[in-house]
Amino acid sequence: MLETIVKNLEWLGHDAFCLPVVGKILYFDPYRLAGRLKQADIIFVSHSHSDHCSPQDVEKITGPNTVLVTEPSSASRLTTGFAQTIVMRPGETIDLDGIRVEAVPAYNIDKKFHPKANNWLGFVVTIKGVRIYHAGDTDFIPEMKEIRADIALLPVSGTYTMTALEAAQAAIEIKPAVAIPMHVGRHVGALADAARFESALVGKIRVEMLAMVNP
C-alpha cells in the first residue's frame, strides 16, 4: 500500500497534493488548481493563509458528498456547500469511513507568520495502515519527535517555514520510509531547496522528488 500511495500521490505545487486511494479522492491545501480536476471526497486545509485556504480552488473540487477537514479560521472562510465540515484542533483524532485523521501542531518557533497560539494544523492520515504526514506550514517543532509516519510531506523553503536542512533534521526525527519536499516552486522556495533536502538525506531516508502537475 505504501508504494501505491507514493505512486498515486500528485503534487499540485506549493503544499497542494491530490491522492486518489481506496476509492476516494483526497486533497491537501488545494491552491492554483488547473486542468481536469477530480471531485474531492475529503479536503484537508491546514490554515487560513490564502495560499493554503483558497475558496475558489476548494469550490472547483467540491461536490455534494465532499467533507472538509480544517481549523476554525479556515472554516469561516470556506462556505461552499460541503456535505460536512469538521473543525479540528491539535491533538484531536477522527475517523472518516475507515480513514483515520490526526490533527497535529504546525507553527513557527523563530518567526511570526504561523503563531503557535493560532492552533493551525498538520495532518497525519492513516489509510490501510500507512501513515501520511502533511506537515502544513511549520518549523522543526518539538512535537515532531512524537510523530511517526510512513510518508512525510515536509516544507523546505525557509522564510515562512523550516529550511531544507531543518526539514532534513525533522525527517531524521520522524523516520518515514519516504520523505517528499513541498512548499517550493511557487512564491517563496525554489526547486534547489528540494534538492538540498534530498542531498542532506542521502543514505539516511528515501526522498521522492515529485514532478509538479499543472506547474
C-alpha atoms as a PDB file:
ATOM      1  CA  MET A   1       0.000   0.000   0.000  1.00  0.00           C
ATOM      2  CA  LEU A   2       2.857   2.397   0.732  1.00  0.00           C
ATOM      3  CA  GLU A   3       4.195   2.151  -2.812  1.00  0.00           C
ATOM      4  CA  THR A   4       0.686   2.521  -4.231  1.00  0.00           C
ATOM      5  CA  ILE A   5       0.214   5.743  -2.294  1.00  0.00           C
ATOM      6  CA  VAL A   6       3.583   7.139  -3.373  1.00  0.00           C
ATOM      7  CA  LYS A   7       2.826   6.246  -6.993  1.00  0.00           C
ATOM      8  CA  ASN A   8      -0.644   7.825  -6.904  1.00  0.00           C
ATOM      9  CA  LEU A   9       0.276  10.970  -4.985  1.00  0.00           C
ATOM     10  CA  GLU A  10       0.079  14.058  -7.212  1.00  0.00           C
ATOM     11  CA  TRP A  11       1.967  17.199  -6.239  1.00  0.00           C
ATOM     12  CA  LEU A  12      -0.023  20.196  -7.475  1.00  0.00           C
ATOM     13  CA  GLY A  13       2.582  22.766  -6.493  1.00  0.00           C
ATOM     14  CA  HIS A  14       3.365  24.554  -3.238  1.00  0.00           C
ATOM     15  CA  ASP A  15       1.749  22.494  -0.412  1.00  0.00           C
ATOM     16  CA  ALA A  16      -1.079  21.148  -2.572  1.00  0.00           C
ATOM     17  CA  PHE A  17      -1.498  17.418  -3.196  1.00  0.00           C
ATOM     18  CA  CYS A  18      -4.156  15.129  -4.609  1.00  0.00           C
ATOM     19  CA  LEU A  19      -4.268  11.497  -3.519  1.00  0.00           C
ATOM     20  CA  PRO A  20      -6.620   9.015  -5.220  1.00  0.00           C
ATOM     21  CA  VAL A  21      -6.640   5.932  -2.976  1.00  0.00           C
ATOM     22  CA  VAL A  22      -9.044   3.231  -1.695  1.00  0.00           C
ATOM     23  CA  GLY A  23     -11.801   4.557  -3.942  1.00  0.00           C
ATOM     24  CA  LYS A  24     -11.571   8.097  -2.564  1.00  0.00           C
ATOM     25  CA  ILE A  25     -10.023  11.373  -3.681  1.00  0.00           C
ATOM     26  CA  LEU A  26      -8.154  13.324  -1.014  1.00  0.00           C
ATOM     27  CA  TYR A  27      -6.801  16.856  -1.415  1.00  0.00           C
ATOM     28  CA  PHE A  28      -4.406  18.726   0.850  1.00  0.00           C
ATOM     29  CA  ASP A  29      -4.289  22.557   0.762  1.00  0.00           C
ATOM     30  CA  PRO A  30      -5.639  22.885  -2.803  1.00  0.00           C
ATOM     31  CA  TYR A  31      -4.285  26.025  -4.433  1.00  0.00           C
ATOM     32  CA  ARG A  32      -3.968  27.316  -8.015  1.00  0.00           C
ATOM     33  CA  LEU A  33      -5.624  24.223  -9.430  1.00  0.00           C
ATOM     34  CA  ALA A  34      -5.829  23.841 -13.189  1.00  0.00           C
ATOM     35  CA  GLY A  35      -6.739  21.271 -15.812  1.00  0.00           C
ATOM     36  CA  ARG A  36      -9.161  18.389 -15.407  1.00  0.00           C
ATOM     37  CA  LEU A  37      -9.828  18.070 -11.705  1.00  0.00           C
ATOM     38  CA  LYS A  38     -11.146  15.138  -9.723  1.00  0.00           C
ATOM     39  CA  GLN A  39     -14.035  15.803  -7.368  1.00  0.00           C
ATOM     40  CA  ALA A  40     -12.893  15.540  -3.761  1.00  0.00           C
ATOM     41  CA  ASP A  41     -14.201  13.153  -1.145  1.00  0.00           C
ATOM     42  CA  ILE A  42     -12.115  14.816   1.580  1.00  0.00           C
ATOM     43  CA  ILE A  43     -10.355  18.189   1.517  1.00  0.00           C
ATOM     44  CA  PHE A  44      -7.779  18.983   4.193  1.00  0.00           C
ATOM     45  CA  VAL A  45      -6.920  22.651   4.772  1.00  0.00           C
ATOM     46  CA  SER A  46      -4.106  23.310   7.228  1.00  0.00           C
ATOM     47  CA  HIS A  47      -4.560  27.028   7.915  1.00  0.00           C
ATOM     48  CA  SER A  48      -6.161  30.216   6.667  1.00  0.00           C
ATOM     49  CA  HIS A  49      -3.362  31.848   4.663  1.00  0.00           C
ATOM     50  CA  SER A  50      -4.601  32.405   1.122  1.00  0.00           C
ATOM     51  CA  ASP A  51      -2.023  30.074  -0.479  1.00  0.00           C
ATOM     52  CA  HIS A  52      -3.433  27.198   1.585  1.00  0.00           C
ATOM     53  CA  CYS A  53      -7.037  28.200   2.164  1.00  0.00           C
ATOM     54  CA  SER A  54      -8.267  29.205  -1.293  1.00  0.00           C
ATOM     55  CA  PRO A  55     -12.081  29.345  -1.565  1.00  0.00           C
ATOM     56  CA  GLN A  56     -12.037  29.492  -5.374  1.00  0.00           C
ATOM     57  CA  ASP A  57      -9.867  26.386  -5.617  1.00  0.00           C
ATOM     58  CA  VAL A  58     -11.826  24.490  -2.995  1.00  0.00           C
ATOM     59  CA  GLU A  59     -15.014  25.277  -4.888  1.00  0.00           C
ATOM     60  CA  LYS A  60     -13.565  23.704  -8.072  1.00  0.00           C
ATOM     61  CA  ILE A  61     -13.272  20.283  -6.430  1.00  0.00           C
ATOM     62  CA  THR A  62     -16.266  20.301  -4.080  1.00  0.00           C
ATOM     63  CA  GLY A  63     -19.255  18.091  -4.768  1.00  0.00           C
ATOM     64  CA  PRO A  64     -22.367  17.137  -2.808  1.00  0.00           C
ATOM     65  CA  ASN A  65     -20.510  14.465  -0.830  1.00  0.00           C
ATOM     66  CA  THR A  66     -17.285  16.378  -0.100  1.00  0.00           C
ATOM     67  CA  VAL A  67     -16.095  16.562   3.508  1.00  0.00           C
ATOM     68  CA  LEU A  68     -13.921  19.488   4.620  1.00  0.00           C
ATOM     69  CA  VAL A  69     -11.438  18.942   7.449  1.00  0.00           C
ATOM     70  CA  THR A  70      -9.796  22.101   8.749  1.00  0.00           C
ATOM     71  CA  GLU A  71      -9.321  24.517  11.648  1.00  0.00           C
ATOM     72  CA  PRO A  72     -11.691  27.313  12.778  1.00  0.00           C
ATOM     73  CA  SER A  73     -10.278  30.300  10.870  1.00  0.00           C
ATOM     74  CA  SER A  74     -10.255  28.396   7.575  1.00  0.00           C
ATOM     75  CA  ALA A  75     -13.733  27.003   8.163  1.00  0.00           C
ATOM     76  CA  SER A  76     -15.046  30.563   8.447  1.00  0.00           C
ATOM     77  CA  ARG A  77     -13.567  31.404   5.017  1.00  0.00           C
ATOM     78  CA  LEU A  78     -14.786  28.287   3.217  1.00  0.00           C
ATOM     79  CA  THR A  79     -18.541  28.454   2.754  1.00  0.00           C
ATOM     80  CA  THR A  80     -19.047  26.151  -0.240  1.00  0.00           C
ATOM     81  CA  GLY A  81     -21.817  23.638   0.448  1.00  0.00           C
ATOM     82  CA  PHE A  82     -19.930  20.708   1.900  1.00  0.00           C
ATOM     83  CA  ALA A  83     -21.633  17.515   2.982  1.00  0.00           C
ATOM     84  CA  GLN A  84     -19.839  18.024   6.295  1.00  0.00           C
ATOM     85  CA  THR A  85     -17.333  20.467   7.767  1.00  0.00           C
ATOM     86  CA  ILE A  86     -15.149  19.057  10.522  1.00  0.00           C
ATOM     87  CA  VAL A  87     -13.215  21.559  12.613  1.00  0.00           C
ATOM     88  CA  MET A  88     -10.198  20.154  14.422  1.00  0.00           C
ATOM     89  CA  ARG A  89      -7.573  21.326  16.869  1.00  0.00           C
ATOM     90  CA  PRO A  90      -4.109  19.890  17.501  1.00  0.00           C
ATOM     91  CA  GLY A  91      -4.322  16.615  19.390  1.00  0.00           C
ATOM     92  CA  GLU A  92      -7.754  15.618  18.116  1.00  0.00           C
ATOM     93  CA  THR A  93      -8.447  12.444  16.121  1.00  0.00           C
ATOM     94  CA  ILE A  94     -11.394  11.405  13.962  1.00  0.00           C
ATOM     95  CA  ASP A  95     -12.319   8.503  11.684  1.00  0.00           C
ATOM     96  CA  LEU A  96     -13.831   9.109   8.257  1.00  0.00           C
ATOM     97  CA  ASP A  97     -15.131   5.938   6.655  1.00  0.00           C
ATOM     98  CA  GLY A  98     -12.036   3.942   7.541  1.00  0.00           C
ATOM     99  CA  ILE A  99      -9.557   6.813   7.158  1.00  0.00           C
ATOM    100  CA  ARG A 100      -8.062   7.933  10.465  1.00  0.00           C
ATOM    101  CA  VAL A 101      -7.184  11.618  10.758  1.00  0.00           C
ATOM    102  CA  GLU A 102      -4.958  13.053  13.475  1.00  0.00           C
ATOM    103  CA  ALA A 103      -4.588  16.829  13.772  1.00  0.00           C
ATOM    104  CA  VAL A 104      -1.063  17.800  14.839  1.00  0.00           C
ATOM    105  CA  PRO A 105       0.530  21.179  15.599  1.00  0.00           C
ATOM    106  CA  ALA A 106       2.109  23.350  12.890  1.00  0.00           C
ATOM    107  CA  TYR A 107       3.747  26.623  13.898  1.00  0.00           C
ATOM    108  CA  ASN A 108       6.850  28.805  13.792  1.00  0.00           C
ATOM    109  CA  ILE A 109       9.444  28.900  16.536  1.00  0.00           C
ATOM    110  CA  ASP A 110      11.545  31.905  15.472  1.00  0.00           C
ATOM    111  CA  LYS A 111       9.169  33.621  13.053  1.00  0.00           C
ATOM    112  CA  LYS A 112       5.858  35.464  13.393  1.00  0.00           C
ATOM    113  CA  PHE A 113       3.956  34.066  10.393  1.00  0.00           C
ATOM    114  CA  HIS A 114       2.395  30.973  11.989  1.00  0.00           C
ATOM    115  CA  PRO A 115       1.990  31.540  15.737  1.00  0.00           C
ATOM    116  CA  LYS A 116       1.531  28.522  17.966  1.00  0.00           C
ATOM    117  CA  ALA A 117      -1.471  30.205  19.574  1.00  0.00           C
ATOM    118  CA  ASN A 118      -3.390  30.016  16.270  1.00  0.00           C
ATOM    119  CA  ASN A 119      -3.648  26.221  16.629  1.00  0.00           C
ATOM    120  CA  TRP A 120      -3.067  25.731  12.918  1.00  0.00           C
ATOM    121  CA  LEU A 121      -2.633  22.197  11.688  1.00  0.00           C
ATOM    122  CA  GLY A 122      -0.645  19.459  10.129  1.00  0.00           C
ATOM    123  CA  PHE A 123      -2.393  16.152   9.460  1.00  0.00           C
ATOM    124  CA  VAL A 124      -1.462  12.510   9.920  1.00  0.00           C
ATOM    125  CA  VAL A 125      -3.821  10.485   7.736  1.00  0.00           C
ATOM    126  CA  THR A 126      -3.801   6.689   8.085  1.00  0.00           C
ATOM    127  CA  ILE A 127      -5.004   4.637   5.117  1.00  0.00           C
ATOM    128  CA  LYS A 128      -4.831   0.829   5.261  1.00  0.00           C
ATOM    129  CA  GLY A 129      -2.157   1.074   7.932  1.00  0.00           C
ATOM    130  CA  VAL A 130       0.003   3.608   6.033  1.00  0.00           C
ATOM    131  CA  ARG A 131       0.526   6.901   7.866  1.00  0.00           C
ATOM    132  CA  ILE A 132       0.840  10.024   5.696  1.00  0.00           C
ATOM    133  CA  TYR A 133       2.017  13.224   7.397  1.00  0.00           C
ATOM    134  CA  HIS A 134       1.237  16.555   5.724  1.00  0.00           C
ATOM    135  CA  ALA A 135       3.119  18.998   7.914  1.00  0.00           C
ATOM    136  CA  GLY A 136       1.412  22.222   6.827  1.00  0.00           C
ATOM    137  CA  ASP A 137       3.428  25.416   7.299  1.00  0.00           C
ATOM    138  CA  THR A 138       5.752  24.765  10.208  1.00  0.00           C
ATOM    139  CA  ASP A 139       9.225  24.889  11.618  1.00  0.00           C
ATOM    140  CA  PHE A 140      11.027  21.879  13.062  1.00  0.00           C
ATOM    141  CA  ILE A 141       8.981  21.843  16.257  1.00  0.00           C
ATOM    142  CA  PRO A 142       9.426  19.682  19.378  1.00  0.00           C
ATOM    143  CA  GLU A 143       6.147  17.844  18.726  1.00  0.00           C
ATOM    144  CA  MET A 144       7.655  16.246  15.633  1.00  0.00           C
ATOM    145  CA  LYS A 145       9.616  13.956  17.943  1.00  0.00           C
ATOM    146  CA  GLU A 146       6.286  12.254  18.719  1.00  0.00           C
ATOM    147  CA  ILE A 147       5.112  11.950  15.108  1.00  0.00           C
ATOM    148  CA  ARG A 148       5.554   8.662  13.305  1.00  0.00           C
ATOM    149  CA  ALA A 149       4.743   8.448   9.621  1.00  0.00           C
ATOM    150  CA  ASP A 150       5.477   6.214   6.664  1.00  0.00           C
ATOM    151  CA  ILE A 151       5.298   9.130   4.221  1.00  0.00           C
ATOM    152  CA  ALA A 152       6.219  12.666   5.304  1.00  0.00           C
ATOM    153  CA  LEU A 153       5.363  15.749   3.216  1.00  0.00           C
ATOM    154  CA  LEU A 154       7.628  18.469   4.586  1.00  0.00           C
ATOM    155  CA  PRO A 155       8.049  22.175   3.736  1.00  0.00           C
ATOM    156  CA  VAL A 156      11.648  23.007   2.845  1.00  0.00           C
ATOM    157  CA  SER A 157      11.710  26.613   1.621  1.00  0.00           C
ATOM    158  CA  GLY A 158      12.724  28.607   4.683  1.00  0.00           C
ATOM    159  CA  THR A 159      11.447  32.195   5.213  1.00  0.00           C
ATOM    160  CA  TYR A 160       7.941  31.143   6.313  1.00  0.00           C
ATOM    161  CA  THR A 161       8.754  27.538   7.242  1.00  0.00           C
ATOM    162  CA  MET A 162      11.767  25.428   8.139  1.00  0.00           C
ATOM    163  CA  THR A 163      14.733  25.414   5.769  1.00  0.00           C
ATOM    164  CA  ALA A 164      15.799  22.426   3.703  1.00  0.00           C
ATOM    165  CA  LEU A 165      18.399  21.413   6.279  1.00  0.00           C
ATOM    166  CA  GLU A 166      15.958  21.848   9.166  1.00  0.00           C
ATOM    167  CA  ALA A 167      13.410  19.759   7.253  1.00  0.00           C
ATOM    168  CA  ALA A 168      16.041  17.066   6.809  1.00  0.00           C
ATOM    169  CA  GLN A 169      16.588  17.074  10.583  1.00  0.00           C
ATOM    170  CA  ALA A 170      12.831  16.742  11.042  1.00  0.00           C
ATOM    171  CA  ALA A 171      12.743  13.783   8.655  1.00  0.00           C
ATOM    172  CA  ILE A 172      15.521  12.062  10.584  1.00  0.00           C
ATOM    173  CA  GLU A 173      13.489  12.533  13.770  1.00  0.00           C
ATOM    174  CA  ILE A 174      10.212  11.300  12.236  1.00  0.00           C
ATOM    175  CA  LYS A 175      11.859   8.375  10.413  1.00  0.00           C
ATOM    176  CA  PRO A 176       9.455   7.982   7.464  1.00  0.00           C
ATOM    177  CA  ALA A 177      10.021   5.348   4.818  1.00  0.00           C
ATOM    178  CA  VAL A 178       9.638   8.133   2.239  1.00  0.00           C
ATOM    179  CA  ALA A 179      10.073  11.897   2.577  1.00  0.00           C
ATOM    180  CA  ILE A 180       8.689  14.328  -0.004  1.00  0.00           C
ATOM    181  CA  PRO A 181       9.631  18.028  -0.085  1.00  0.00           C
ATOM    182  CA  MET A 182       6.982  20.721  -0.559  1.00  0.00           C
ATOM    183  CA  HIS A 183       6.498  24.499  -0.207  1.00  0.00           C
ATOM    184  CA  VAL A 184       8.650  25.126  -3.282  1.00  0.00           C
ATOM    185  CA  GLY A 185       8.034  26.095  -6.899  1.00  0.00           C
ATOM    186  CA  ARG A 186       5.583  28.922  -6.196  1.00  0.00           C
ATOM    187  CA  HIS A 187       6.022  32.098  -4.157  1.00  0.00           C
ATOM    188  CA  VAL A 188       8.950  31.544  -1.815  1.00  0.00           C
ATOM    189  CA  GLY A 189      11.004  28.392  -2.235  1.00  0.00           C
ATOM    190  CA  ALA A 190      12.924  27.088  -5.233  1.00  0.00           C
ATOM    191  CA  LEU A 191      13.410  23.586  -6.538  1.00  0.00           C
ATOM    192  CA  ALA A 192      17.015  23.997  -5.381  1.00  0.00           C
ATOM    193  CA  ASP A 193      15.690  23.882  -1.809  1.00  0.00           C
ATOM    194  CA  ALA A 194      14.132  20.497  -2.521  1.00  0.00           C
ATOM    195  CA  ALA A 195      17.433  19.338  -3.980  1.00  0.00           C
ATOM    196  CA  ARG A 196      19.279  20.441  -0.816  1.00  0.00           C
ATOM    197  CA  PHE A 197      16.760  18.481   1.253  1.00  0.00           C
ATOM    198  CA  GLU A 198      17.342  15.395  -0.862  1.00  0.00           C
ATOM    199  CA  SER A 199      21.127  15.721  -0.633  1.00  0.00           C
ATOM    200  CA  ALA A 200      21.027  16.056   3.154  1.00  0.00           C
ATOM    201  CA  LEU A 201      19.179  12.729   3.429  1.00  0.00           C
ATOM    202  CA  VAL A 202      21.274  10.605   1.053  1.00  0.00           C
ATOM    203  CA  GLY A 203      21.915   7.258   2.705  1.00  0.00           C
ATOM    204  CA  LYS A 204      19.526   8.081   5.546  1.00  0.00           C
ATOM    205  CA  ILE A 205      15.964   8.400   4.256  1.00  0.00           C
ATOM    206  CA  ARG A 206      14.488   7.802   0.814  1.00  0.00           C
ATOM    207  CA  VAL A 207      13.398  11.057  -0.798  1.00  0.00           C
ATOM    208  CA  GLU A 208      10.913  11.194  -3.674  1.00  0.00           C
ATOM    209  CA  MET A 209      11.063  14.337  -5.793  1.00  0.00           C
ATOM    210  CA  LEU A 210       7.617  14.516  -7.359  1.00  0.00           C
ATOM    211  CA  ALA A 211       7.114  16.328 -10.632  1.00  0.00           C
ATOM    212  CA  MET A 212       4.625  19.172 -10.338  1.00  0.00           C
ATOM    213  CA  VAL A 213       1.291  18.538 -12.051  1.00  0.00           C
ATOM    214  CA  ASN A 214      -0.011  21.629 -13.932  1.00  0.00           C
ATOM    215  CA  PRO A 215       3.014  23.801 -12.985  1.00  0.00           C
END
